[in-house]
Full PDB file with SEQRES, HELIX, SHEET, SSBOND, CRYST1, ORIGX, SCALE, CONECT and MASTER records, all heavy atoms in Angstrom:
SEQRES   1 A   42  GLU LYS LEU ALA SER ASP LYS SER ALA LYS ILE LEU LEU          
SEQRES   2 A   42  LEU CYS ASN PRO HIS ASN PRO ALA GLY ARG VAL TRP THR          
SEQRES   3 A   42  LYS ASP GLU LEU THR ALA ILE ALA ASP ILE CYS LYS ARG          
SEQRES   4 A   42  HIS ASP VAL                                                  
HELIX    1 AA1 LYS A   27  ARG A   39  1                                  13    
CRYST1    1.000    1.000    1.000  90.00  90.00  90.00 P 1           1          
ORIGX1      1.000000  0.000000  0.000000        0.00000                         
ORIGX2      0.000000  1.000000  0.000000        0.00000                         
ORIGX3      0.000000  0.000000  1.000000        0.00000                         
SCALE1      1.000000  0.000000  0.000000        0.00000                         
SCALE2      0.000000  1.000000  0.000000        0.00000                         
SCALE3      0.000000  0.000000  1.000000        0.00000                         
ATOM      1  N   GLU A   1     114.541  65.608-181.663  1.00  0.00           N  
ATOM      2  CA  GLU A   1     115.317  65.091-180.535  1.00  0.00           C  
ATOM      3  C   GLU A   1     114.796  63.693-180.187  1.00  0.00           C  
ATOM      4  O   GLU A   1     115.592  62.787-179.923  1.00  0.00           O  
ATOM      5  CB  GLU A   1     115.146  66.015-179.349  1.00  0.00           C  
ATOM      6  CG  GLU A   1     115.906  65.601-178.084  1.00  0.00           C  
ATOM      7  CD  GLU A   1     117.280  66.268-178.028  1.00  0.00           C  
ATOM      8  OE1 GLU A   1     117.417  67.473-178.218  1.00  0.00           O  
ATOM      9  OE2 GLU A   1     118.291  65.519-177.741  1.00  0.00           O  
ATOM     10  N   LYS A   2     113.481  63.529-180.156  1.00  0.00           N  
ATOM     11  CA  LYS A   2     112.912  62.233-179.833  1.00  0.00           C  
ATOM     12  C   LYS A   2     113.303  61.140-180.865  1.00  0.00           C  
ATOM     13  O   LYS A   2     113.720  60.029-180.490  1.00  0.00           O  
ATOM     14  CB  LYS A   2     111.388  62.378-179.809  1.00  0.00           C  
ATOM     15  CG  LYS A   2     110.641  61.055-179.499  1.00  0.00           C  
ATOM     16  CD  LYS A   2     109.151  61.251-179.521  1.00  0.00           C  
ATOM     17  CE  LYS A   2     108.412  59.929-179.315  1.00  0.00           C  
ATOM     18  NZ  LYS A   2     106.917  60.162-179.383  1.00  0.00           N  
ATOM     19  N   LEU A   3     113.188  61.507-182.124  1.00  0.00           N  
ATOM     20  CA  LEU A   3     113.551  60.490-183.191  1.00  0.00           C  
ATOM     21  C   LEU A   3     115.071  60.216-183.169  1.00  0.00           C  
ATOM     22  O   LEU A   3     115.455  59.038-183.356  1.00  0.00           O  
ATOM     23  CB  LEU A   3     113.155  61.067-184.561  1.00  0.00           C  
ATOM     24  CG  LEU A   3     111.668  61.266-184.799  1.00  0.00           C  
ATOM     25  CD1 LEU A   3     111.449  61.879-186.185  1.00  0.00           C  
ATOM     26  CD2 LEU A   3     110.881  60.000-184.659  1.00  0.00           C  
ATOM     27  N   ALA A   4     115.871  61.227-182.940  1.00  0.00           N  
ATOM     28  CA  ALA A   4     117.342  60.979-182.891  1.00  0.00           C  
ATOM     29  C   ALA A   4     117.781  60.118-181.741  1.00  0.00           C  
ATOM     30  O   ALA A   4     118.809  59.477-181.810  1.00  0.00           O  
ATOM     31  CB  ALA A   4     118.036  62.336-182.899  1.00  0.00           C  
ATOM     32  N   SER A   5     116.965  60.108-180.683  1.00  0.00           N  
ATOM     33  CA  SER A   5     117.328  59.307-179.490  1.00  0.00           C  
ATOM     34  C   SER A   5     117.066  57.837-179.703  1.00  0.00           C  
ATOM     35  O   SER A   5     117.488  57.027-178.881  1.00  0.00           O  
ATOM     36  CB  SER A   5     116.576  59.810-178.285  1.00  0.00           C  
ATOM     37  OG  SER A   5     115.144  59.570-178.395  1.00  0.00           O  
ATOM     38  N   ASP A   6     116.362  57.480-180.762  1.00  0.00           N  
ATOM     39  CA  ASP A   6     116.130  56.111-181.099  1.00  0.00           C  
ATOM     40  C   ASP A   6     117.494  55.453-181.446  1.00  0.00           C  
ATOM     41  O   ASP A   6     118.202  55.896-182.351  1.00  0.00           O  
ATOM     42  CB  ASP A   6     115.176  55.964-182.262  1.00  0.00           C  
ATOM     43  CG  ASP A   6     114.780  54.540-182.652  1.00  0.00           C  
ATOM     44  OD1 ASP A   6     115.587  53.653-182.485  1.00  0.00           O  
ATOM     45  OD2 ASP A   6     113.630  54.371-183.125  1.00  0.00           O  
ATOM     46  N   LYS A   7     117.873  54.406-180.748  1.00  0.00           N  
ATOM     47  CA  LYS A   7     119.170  53.784-180.954  1.00  0.00           C  
ATOM     48  C   LYS A   7     119.413  53.238-182.337  1.00  0.00           C  
ATOM     49  O   LYS A   7     120.523  53.083-182.821  1.00  0.00           O  
ATOM     50  CB  LYS A   7     119.406  52.673-179.917  1.00  0.00           C  
ATOM     51  CG  LYS A   7     119.441  53.119-178.473  1.00  0.00           C  
ATOM     52  CD  LYS A   7     120.505  54.105-178.205  1.00  0.00           C  
ATOM     53  CE  LYS A   7     120.538  54.556-176.745  1.00  0.00           C  
ATOM     54  NZ  LYS A   7     121.532  55.671-176.544  1.00  0.00           N  
ATOM     55  N   SER A   8     118.294  53.019-183.087  1.00  0.00           N  
ATOM     56  CA  SER A   8     118.386  52.498-184.438  1.00  0.00           C  
ATOM     57  C   SER A   8     118.530  53.589-185.458  1.00  0.00           C  
ATOM     58  O   SER A   8     118.717  53.337-186.642  1.00  0.00           O  
ATOM     59  CB  SER A   8     117.175  51.621-184.787  1.00  0.00           C  
ATOM     60  OG  SER A   8     117.150  50.459-183.954  1.00  0.00           O  
ATOM     61  N   ALA A   9     118.347  54.871-185.037  1.00  0.00           N  
ATOM     62  CA  ALA A   9     118.461  55.964-185.950  1.00  0.00           C  
ATOM     63  C   ALA A   9     119.936  56.273-186.205  1.00  0.00           C  
ATOM     64  O   ALA A   9     120.680  56.656-185.295  1.00  0.00           O  
ATOM     65  CB  ALA A   9     117.763  57.228-185.363  1.00  0.00           C  
ATOM     66  N   LYS A  10     120.382  56.122-187.452  1.00  0.00           N  
ATOM     67  CA  LYS A  10     121.756  56.285-187.820  1.00  0.00           C  
ATOM     68  C   LYS A  10     122.085  57.495-188.610  1.00  0.00           C  
ATOM     69  O   LYS A  10     123.211  58.038-188.528  1.00  0.00           O  
ATOM     70  CB  LYS A  10     122.242  55.033-188.560  1.00  0.00           C  
ATOM     71  CG  LYS A  10     122.058  53.741-187.805  1.00  0.00           C  
ATOM     72  CD  LYS A  10     122.806  53.697-186.503  1.00  0.00           C  
ATOM     73  CE  LYS A  10     122.604  52.356-185.790  1.00  0.00           C  
ATOM     74  NZ  LYS A  10     123.244  52.343-184.456  1.00  0.00           N  
ATOM     75  N   ILE A  11     121.096  57.962-189.390  1.00  0.00           N  
ATOM     76  CA  ILE A  11     121.323  59.091-190.306  1.00  0.00           C  
ATOM     77  C   ILE A  11     120.137  60.057-190.270  1.00  0.00           C  
ATOM     78  O   ILE A  11     118.998  59.623-190.210  1.00  0.00           O  
ATOM     79  CB  ILE A  11     121.541  58.582-191.761  1.00  0.00           C  
ATOM     80  CG1 ILE A  11     122.882  57.904-191.921  1.00  0.00           C  
ATOM     81  CG2 ILE A  11     121.418  59.716-192.781  1.00  0.00           C  
ATOM     82  CD1 ILE A  11     123.127  57.243-193.273  1.00  0.00           C  
ATOM     83  N   LEU A  12     120.404  61.373-190.319  1.00  0.00           N  
ATOM     84  CA  LEU A  12     119.425  62.345-190.636  1.00  0.00           C  
ATOM     85  C   LEU A  12     119.720  62.804-192.072  1.00  0.00           C  
ATOM     86  O   LEU A  12     120.794  63.338-192.412  1.00  0.00           O  
ATOM     87  CB  LEU A  12     119.510  63.551-189.689  1.00  0.00           C  
ATOM     88  CG  LEU A  12     118.747  64.809-190.152  1.00  0.00           C  
ATOM     89  CD1 LEU A  12     117.224  64.523-190.254  1.00  0.00           C  
ATOM     90  CD2 LEU A  12     119.028  65.978-189.216  1.00  0.00           C  
ATOM     91  N   LEU A  13     118.784  62.614-192.932  1.00  0.00           N  
ATOM     92  CA  LEU A  13     118.895  63.007-194.373  1.00  0.00           C  
ATOM     93  C   LEU A  13     118.322  64.398-194.462  1.00  0.00           C  
ATOM     94  O   LEU A  13     117.106  64.566-194.474  1.00  0.00           O  
ATOM     95  CB  LEU A  13     118.188  61.971-195.253  1.00  0.00           C  
ATOM     96  CG  LEU A  13     118.238  62.198-196.777  1.00  0.00           C  
ATOM     97  CD1 LEU A  13     119.599  62.634-197.241  1.00  0.00           C  
ATOM     98  CD2 LEU A  13     117.785  60.944-197.468  1.00  0.00           C  
ATOM     99  N   LEU A  14     119.186  65.379-194.561  1.00  0.00           N  
ATOM    100  CA  LEU A  14     118.823  66.805-194.551  1.00  0.00           C  
ATOM    101  C   LEU A  14     118.772  67.337-195.984  1.00  0.00           C  
ATOM    102  O   LEU A  14     119.620  66.993-196.817  1.00  0.00           O  
ATOM    103  CB  LEU A  14     119.871  67.563-193.743  1.00  0.00           C  
ATOM    104  CG  LEU A  14     119.720  69.082-193.649  1.00  0.00           C  
ATOM    105  CD1 LEU A  14     118.487  69.468-192.870  1.00  0.00           C  
ATOM    106  CD2 LEU A  14     120.989  69.683-192.992  1.00  0.00           C  
ATOM    107  N   CYS A  15     117.834  68.245-196.253  1.00  0.00           N  
ATOM    108  CA  CYS A  15     117.726  68.912-197.517  1.00  0.00           C  
ATOM    109  C   CYS A  15     117.984  70.390-197.266  1.00  0.00           C  
ATOM    110  O   CYS A  15     117.156  71.066-196.605  1.00  0.00           O  
ATOM    111  CB  CYS A  15     116.352  68.719-198.110  1.00  0.00           C  
ATOM    112  SG  CYS A  15     116.196  68.957-199.886  1.00  0.00           S  
ATOM    113  N   ASN A  16     119.142  70.917-197.749  1.00  0.00           N  
ATOM    114  CA  ASN A  16     119.593  72.244-197.380  1.00  0.00           C  
ATOM    115  C   ASN A  16     120.173  72.974-198.627  1.00  0.00           C  
ATOM    116  O   ASN A  16     121.302  72.647-199.050  1.00  0.00           O  
ATOM    117  CB  ASN A  16     120.678  72.142-196.256  1.00  0.00           C  
ATOM    118  CG  ASN A  16     121.344  73.478-195.973  1.00  0.00           C  
ATOM    119  OD1 ASN A  16     120.657  74.484-195.873  1.00  0.00           O  
ATOM    120  ND2 ASN A  16     122.660  73.487-195.786  1.00  0.00           N  
ATOM    121  N   PRO A  17     119.395  73.890-199.258  1.00  0.00           N  
ATOM    122  CA  PRO A  17     118.053  74.334-198.976  1.00  0.00           C  
ATOM    123  C   PRO A  17     116.980  73.235-199.225  1.00  0.00           C  
ATOM    124  O   PRO A  17     117.279  72.247-199.900  1.00  0.00           O  
ATOM    125  CB  PRO A  17     117.834  75.473-199.950  1.00  0.00           C  
ATOM    126  CG  PRO A  17     119.241  75.960-200.312  1.00  0.00           C  
ATOM    127  CD  PRO A  17     120.014  74.714-200.335  1.00  0.00           C  
ATOM    128  N   HIS A  18     115.779  73.483-198.691  1.00  0.00           N  
ATOM    129  CA  HIS A  18     114.786  72.415-198.626  1.00  0.00           C  
ATOM    130  C   HIS A  18     113.883  72.417-199.842  1.00  0.00           C  
ATOM    131  O   HIS A  18     113.269  73.433-200.219  1.00  0.00           O  
ATOM    132  CB  HIS A  18     113.962  72.539-197.400  1.00  0.00           C  
ATOM    133  CG  HIS A  18     113.139  71.309-197.096  1.00  0.00           C  
ATOM    134  ND1 HIS A  18     113.612  70.262-196.345  1.00  0.00           N  
ATOM    135  CD2 HIS A  18     111.939  70.936-197.499  1.00  0.00           C  
ATOM    136  CE1 HIS A  18     112.697  69.359-196.277  1.00  0.00           C  
ATOM    137  NE2 HIS A  18     111.660  69.691-196.976  1.00  0.00           N  
ATOM    138  N   ASN A  19     113.791  71.231-200.479  1.00  0.00           N  
ATOM    139  CA  ASN A  19     112.851  70.971-201.547  1.00  0.00           C  
ATOM    140  C   ASN A  19     111.802  69.970-200.999  1.00  0.00           C  
ATOM    141  O   ASN A  19     112.185  68.894-200.537  1.00  0.00           O  
ATOM    142  CB  ASN A  19     113.608  70.322-202.710  1.00  0.00           C  
ATOM    143  CG  ASN A  19     112.746  69.730-203.810  1.00  0.00           C  
ATOM    144  OD1 ASN A  19     111.583  70.030-203.921  1.00  0.00           O  
ATOM    145  ND2 ASN A  19     113.343  68.855-204.611  1.00  0.00           N  
ATOM    146  N   PRO A  20     110.482  70.337-200.984  1.00  0.00           N  
ATOM    147  CA  PRO A  20     109.839  71.433-201.721  1.00  0.00           C  
ATOM    148  C   PRO A  20     109.416  72.631-200.875  1.00  0.00           C  
ATOM    149  O   PRO A  20     108.743  73.527-201.381  1.00  0.00           O  
ATOM    150  CB  PRO A  20     108.609  70.724-202.232  1.00  0.00           C  
ATOM    151  CG  PRO A  20     108.232  69.815-201.082  1.00  0.00           C  
ATOM    152  CD  PRO A  20     109.523  69.345-200.536  1.00  0.00           C  
ATOM    153  N   ALA A  21     109.849  72.732-199.595  1.00  0.00           N  
ATOM    154  CA  ALA A  21     109.283  73.740-198.764  1.00  0.00           C  
ATOM    155  C   ALA A  21     109.903  75.135-199.014  1.00  0.00           C  
ATOM    156  O   ALA A  21     109.416  76.160-198.534  1.00  0.00           O  
ATOM    157  CB  ALA A  21     109.515  73.376-197.264  1.00  0.00           C  
ATOM    158  N   GLY A  22     110.979  75.167-199.811  1.00  0.00           N  
ATOM    159  CA  GLY A  22     111.543  76.456-200.185  1.00  0.00           C  
ATOM    160  C   GLY A  22     112.347  77.153-199.094  1.00  0.00           C  
ATOM    161  O   GLY A  22     112.725  78.324-199.288  1.00  0.00           O  
ATOM    162  N   ARG A  23     112.587  76.502-198.016  1.00  0.00           N  
ATOM    163  CA  ARG A  23     113.326  77.132-196.909  1.00  0.00           C  
ATOM    164  C   ARG A  23     114.845  77.039-197.140  1.00  0.00           C  
ATOM    165  O   ARG A  23     115.390  76.066-197.587  1.00  0.00           O  
ATOM    166  CB  ARG A  23     113.056  76.414-195.590  1.00  0.00           C  
ATOM    167  CG  ARG A  23     111.763  76.776-194.866  1.00  0.00           C  
ATOM    168  CD  ARG A  23     111.728  78.276-194.449  1.00  0.00           C  
ATOM    169  NE  ARG A  23     112.977  78.708-193.884  1.00  0.00           N  
ATOM    170  CZ  ARG A  23     113.345  78.551-192.600  1.00  0.00           C  
ATOM    171  NH1 ARG A  23     112.521  77.896-191.778  1.00  0.00           N  
ATOM    172  NH2 ARG A  23     114.490  78.996-192.158  1.00  0.00           N  
ATOM    173  N   VAL A  24     115.542  78.116-196.793  1.00  0.00           N  
ATOM    174  CA  VAL A  24     116.985  78.156-196.667  1.00  0.00           C  
ATOM    175  C   VAL A  24     117.270  78.137-195.181  1.00  0.00           C  
ATOM    176  O   VAL A  24     117.091  79.170-194.516  1.00  0.00           O  
ATOM    177  CB  VAL A  24     117.573  79.381-197.373  1.00  0.00           C  
ATOM    178  CG1 VAL A  24     119.100  79.440-197.164  1.00  0.00           C  
ATOM    179  CG2 VAL A  24     117.281  79.341-198.852  1.00  0.00           C  
ATOM    180  N   TRP A  25     117.675  77.027-194.653  1.00  0.00           N  
ATOM    181  CA  TRP A  25     117.845  76.886-193.190  1.00  0.00           C  
ATOM    182  C   TRP A  25     118.899  77.876-192.708  1.00  0.00           C  
ATOM    183  O   TRP A  25     119.967  78.033-193.329  1.00  0.00           O  
ATOM    184  CB  TRP A  25     118.219  75.477-192.807  1.00  0.00           C  
ATOM    185  CG  TRP A  25     117.273  74.462-193.306  1.00  0.00           C  
ATOM    186  CD1 TRP A  25     117.537  73.396-194.136  1.00  0.00           C  
ATOM    187  CD2 TRP A  25     115.843  74.351-192.978  1.00  0.00           C  
ATOM    188  NE1 TRP A  25     116.384  72.678-194.332  1.00  0.00           N  
ATOM    189  CE2 TRP A  25     115.343  73.196-193.653  1.00  0.00           C  
ATOM    190  CE3 TRP A  25     114.994  75.108-192.192  1.00  0.00           C  
ATOM    191  CZ2 TRP A  25     114.037  72.796-193.582  1.00  0.00           C  
ATOM    192  CZ3 TRP A  25     113.672  74.691-192.098  1.00  0.00           C  
ATOM    193  CH2 TRP A  25     113.182  73.558-192.787  1.00  0.00           C  
ATOM    194  N   THR A  26     118.617  78.534-191.569  1.00  0.00           N  
ATOM    195  CA  THR A  26     119.544  79.516-191.026  1.00  0.00           C  
ATOM    196  C   THR A  26     120.682  78.811-190.285  1.00  0.00           C  
ATOM    197  O   THR A  26     120.591  77.616-189.986  1.00  0.00           O  
ATOM    198  CB  THR A  26     118.818  80.410-190.025  1.00  0.00           C  
ATOM    199  OG1 THR A  26     118.373  79.677-188.877  1.00  0.00           O  
ATOM    200  CG2 THR A  26     117.604  81.119-190.693  1.00  0.00           C  
ATOM    201  N   LYS A  27     121.699  79.567-190.011  1.00  0.00           N  
ATOM    202  CA  LYS A  27     122.861  79.028-189.253  1.00  0.00           C  
ATOM    203  C   LYS A  27     122.372  78.515-187.878  1.00  0.00           C  
ATOM    204  O   LYS A  27     122.807  77.459-187.427  1.00  0.00           O  
ATOM    205  CB  LYS A  27     123.917  80.078-189.066  1.00  0.00           C  
ATOM    206  CG  LYS A  27     125.160  79.579-188.402  1.00  0.00           C  
ATOM    207  CD  LYS A  27     126.227  80.659-188.304  1.00  0.00           C  
ATOM    208  CE  LYS A  27     127.504  80.124-187.616  1.00  0.00           C  
ATOM    209  NZ  LYS A  27     128.548  81.151-187.552  1.00  0.00           N  
ATOM    210  N   ASP A  28     121.489  79.249-187.225  1.00  0.00           N  
ATOM    211  CA  ASP A  28     120.970  78.815-185.925  1.00  0.00           C  
ATOM    212  C   ASP A  28     120.204  77.500-186.020  1.00  0.00           C  
ATOM    213  O   ASP A  28     120.339  76.618-185.183  1.00  0.00           O  
ATOM    214  CB  ASP A  28     120.071  79.887-185.318  1.00  0.00           C  
ATOM    215  CG  ASP A  28     120.892  81.114-184.827  1.00  0.00           C  
ATOM    216  OD1 ASP A  28     122.146  80.980-184.681  1.00  0.00           O  
ATOM    217  OD2 ASP A  28     120.292  82.148-184.538  1.00  0.00           O  
ATOM    218  N   GLU A  29     119.376  77.385-187.056  1.00  0.00           N  
ATOM    219  CA  GLU A  29     118.636  76.144-187.258  1.00  0.00           C  
ATOM    220  C   GLU A  29     119.520  74.951-187.518  1.00  0.00           C  
ATOM    221  O   GLU A  29     119.367  73.859-186.953  1.00  0.00           O  
ATOM    222  CB  GLU A  29     117.641  76.289-188.383  1.00  0.00           C  
ATOM    223  CG  GLU A  29     116.440  77.194-188.079  1.00  0.00           C  
ATOM    224  CD  GLU A  29     115.582  77.529-189.295  1.00  0.00           C  
ATOM    225  OE1 GLU A  29     116.141  77.822-190.345  1.00  0.00           O  
ATOM    226  OE2 GLU A  29     114.344  77.483-189.149  1.00  0.00           O  
ATOM    227  N   LEU A  30     120.548  75.137-188.362  1.00  0.00           N  
ATOM    228  CA  LEU A  30     121.466  74.098-188.668  1.00  0.00           C  
ATOM    229  C   LEU A  30     122.349  73.718-187.435  1.00  0.00           C  
ATOM    230  O   LEU A  30     122.662  72.531-187.238  1.00  0.00           O  
ATOM    231  CB  LEU A  30     122.350  74.497-189.859  1.00  0.00           C  
ATOM    232  CG  LEU A  30     121.648  74.668-191.178  1.00  0.00           C  
ATOM    233  CD1 LEU A  30     122.608  75.215-192.231  1.00  0.00           C  
ATOM    234  CD2 LEU A  30     121.038  73.354-191.652  1.00  0.00           C  
ATOM    235  N   THR A  31     122.667  74.723-186.635  1.00  0.00           N  
ATOM    236  CA  THR A  31     123.445  74.466-185.421  1.00  0.00           C  
ATOM    237  C   THR A  31     122.611  73.621-184.461  1.00  0.00           C  
ATOM    238  O   THR A  31     123.123  72.666-183.851  1.00  0.00           O  
ATOM    239  CB  THR A  31     123.847  75.789-184.767  1.00  0.00           C  
ATOM    240  OG1 THR A  31     124.704  76.530-185.662  1.00  0.00           O  
ATOM    241  CG2 THR A  31     124.626  75.553-183.451  1.00  0.00           C  
ATOM    242  N   ALA A  32     121.313  73.946-184.345  1.00  0.00           N  
ATOM    243  CA  ALA A  32     120.455  73.103-183.469  1.00  0.00           C  
ATOM    244  C   ALA A  32     120.390  71.666-183.960  1.00  0.00           C  
ATOM    245  O   ALA A  32     120.384  70.739-183.152  1.00  0.00           O  
ATOM    246  CB  ALA A  32     119.062  73.769-183.406  1.00  0.00           C  
ATOM    247  N   ILE A  33     120.306  71.481-185.249  1.00  0.00           N  
ATOM    248  CA  ILE A  33     120.313  70.145-185.865  1.00  0.00           C  
ATOM    249  C   ILE A  33     121.615  69.427-185.495  1.00  0.00           C  
ATOM    250  O   ILE A  33     121.608  68.280-185.065  1.00  0.00           O  
ATOM    251  CB  ILE A  33     120.139  70.177-187.404  1.00  0.00           C  
ATOM    252  CG1 ILE A  33     118.685  70.628-187.716  1.00  0.00           C  
ATOM    253  CG2 ILE A  33     120.442  68.818-187.999  1.00  0.00           C  
ATOM    254  CD1 ILE A  33     118.519  70.894-189.211  1.00  0.00           C  
ATOM    255  N   ALA A  34     122.705  70.123-185.693  1.00  0.00           N  
ATOM    256  CA  ALA A  34     124.010  69.526-185.429  1.00  0.00           C  
ATOM    257  C   ALA A  34     124.175  69.119-183.972  1.00  0.00           C  
ATOM    258  O   ALA A  34     124.731  68.074-183.626  1.00  0.00           O  
ATOM    259  CB  ALA A  34     125.151  70.456-185.813  1.00  0.00           C  
ATOM    260  N   ASP A  35     123.658  69.980-183.054  1.00  0.00           N  
ATOM    261  CA  ASP A  35     123.786  69.712-181.598  1.00  0.00           C  
ATOM    262  C   ASP A  35     123.010  68.450-181.240  1.00  0.00           C  
ATOM    263  O   ASP A  35     123.444  67.604-180.503  1.00  0.00           O  
ATOM    264  CB  ASP A  35     123.270  70.876-180.804  1.00  0.00           C  
ATOM    265  CG  ASP A  35     124.265  72.082-180.835  1.00  0.00           C  
ATOM    266  OD1 ASP A  35     125.434  71.826-181.202  1.00  0.00           O  
ATOM    267  OD2 ASP A  35     123.839  73.203-180.538  1.00  0.00           O  
ATOM    268  N   ILE A  36     121.760  68.350-181.801  1.00  0.00           N  
ATOM    269  CA  ILE A  36     120.948  67.196-181.492  1.00  0.00           C  
ATOM    270  C   ILE A  36     121.610  65.897-182.042  1.00  0.00           C  
ATOM    271  O   ILE A  36     121.676  64.890-181.355  1.00  0.00           O  
ATOM    272  CB  ILE A  36     119.526  67.355-182.113  1.00  0.00           C  
ATOM    273  CG1 ILE A  36     118.735  68.418-181.341  1.00  0.00           C  
ATOM    274  CG2 ILE A  36     118.763  66.010-182.126  1.00  0.00           C  
ATOM    275  CD1 ILE A  36     117.444  68.816-182.044  1.00  0.00           C  
ATOM    276  N   CYS A  37     122.077  65.972-183.273  1.00  0.00           N  
ATOM    277  CA  CYS A  37     122.657  64.769-183.901  1.00  0.00           C  
ATOM    278  C   CYS A  37     123.977  64.385-183.265  1.00  0.00           C  
ATOM    279  O   CYS A  37     124.316  63.194-183.135  1.00  0.00           O  
ATOM    280  CB  CYS A  37     122.820  64.988-185.370  1.00  0.00           C  
ATOM    281  SG  CYS A  37     121.230  65.033-186.240  1.00  0.00           S  
ATOM    282  N   LYS A  38     124.728  65.396-182.775  1.00  0.00           N  
ATOM    283  CA  LYS A  38     125.940  65.092-182.021  1.00  0.00           C  
ATOM    284  C   LYS A  38     125.626  64.349-180.732  1.00  0.00           C  
ATOM    285  O   LYS A  38     126.278  63.346-180.402  1.00  0.00           O  
ATOM    286  CB  LYS A  38     126.709  66.445-181.725  1.00  0.00           C  
ATOM    287  CG  LYS A  38     127.723  66.355-180.630  1.00  0.00           C  
ATOM    288  CD  LYS A  38     128.909  65.474-180.959  1.00  0.00           C  
ATOM    289  CE  LYS A  38     129.968  65.568-179.852  1.00  0.00           C  
ATOM    290  NZ  LYS A  38     131.019  64.603-180.042  1.00  0.00           N  
ATOM    291  N   ARG A  39     124.619  64.822-180.010  1.00  0.00           N  
ATOM    292  CA  ARG A  39     124.237  64.186-178.720  1.00  0.00           C  
ATOM    293  C   ARG A  39     123.900  62.729-178.894  1.00  0.00           C  
ATOM    294  O   ARG A  39     124.186  61.904-178.042  1.00  0.00           O  
ATOM    295  CB  ARG A  39     123.106  64.960-178.058  1.00  0.00           C  
ATOM    296  CG  ARG A  39     123.463  66.157-177.306  1.00  0.00           C  
ATOM    297  CD  ARG A  39     122.405  66.631-176.398  1.00  0.00           C  
ATOM    298  NE  ARG A  39     121.182  67.004-177.041  1.00  0.00           N  
ATOM    299  CZ  ARG A  39     120.980  68.171-177.601  1.00  0.00           C  
ATOM    300  NH1 ARG A  39     121.915  69.084-177.546  1.00  0.00           N  
ATOM    301  NH2 ARG A  39     119.790  68.465-178.163  1.00  0.00           N  
ATOM    302  N   HIS A  40     123.274  62.414-180.018  1.00  0.00           N  
ATOM    303  CA  HIS A  40     122.721  61.061-180.205  1.00  0.00           C  
ATOM    304  C   HIS A  40     123.492  60.236-181.219  1.00  0.00           C  
ATOM    305  O   HIS A  40     123.099  59.169-181.599  1.00  0.00           O  
ATOM    306  CB  HIS A  40     121.258  61.157-180.609  1.00  0.00           C  
ATOM    307  CG  HIS A  40     120.392  61.817-179.592  1.00  0.00           C  
ATOM    308  ND1 HIS A  40     120.074  61.202-178.392  1.00  0.00           N  
ATOM    309  CD2 HIS A  40     119.779  63.059-179.594  1.00  0.00           C  
ATOM    310  CE1 HIS A  40     119.327  62.023-177.664  1.00  0.00           C  
ATOM    311  NE2 HIS A  40     119.129  63.146-178.363  1.00  0.00           N  
ATOM    312  N   ASP A  41     124.647  60.783-181.631  1.00  0.00           N  
ATOM    313  CA  ASP A  41     125.589  60.093-182.569  1.00  0.00           C  
ATOM    314  C   ASP A  41     124.843  59.710-183.898  1.00  0.00           C  
ATOM    315  O   ASP A  41     124.964  58.555-184.363  1.00  0.00           O  
ATOM    316  CB  ASP A  41     126.240  58.881-181.919  1.00  0.00           C  
ATOM    317  CG  ASP A  41     127.434  58.355-182.723  1.00  0.00           C  
ATOM    318  OD1 ASP A  41     128.057  59.219-183.363  1.00  0.00           O  
ATOM    319  OD2 ASP A  41     127.717  57.154-182.679  1.00  0.00           O  
ATOM    320  N   VAL A  42     124.073  60.628-184.405  1.00  0.00           N  
ATOM    321  CA  VAL A  42     123.403  60.506-185.680  1.00  0.00           C  
ATOM    322  C   VAL A  42     124.198  61.212-186.743  1.00  0.00           C  
ATOM    323  O   VAL A  42     124.545  62.419-186.545  1.00  0.00           O  
ATOM    324  CB  VAL A  42     121.977  61.034-185.607  1.00  0.00           C  
ATOM    325  CG1 VAL A  42     121.341  61.005-187.004  1.00  0.00           C  
ATOM    326  CG2 VAL A  42     121.133  60.156-184.667  1.00  0.00           C  
TER     327      VAL A  42                                                      
MASTER        0    0    0    1    0    0    0    6  326    1    0    4          
END                                                                             
């Protein structure tokens, strides 16, 4: 949230599923990302 609020932040480069952490992000996690990026127009 803090990083997305930076006015110069234009893109979040997401890895879904994540390499190298091996995570398959859940729907809830992805929804939280989408909500944050929507609020800050990222």
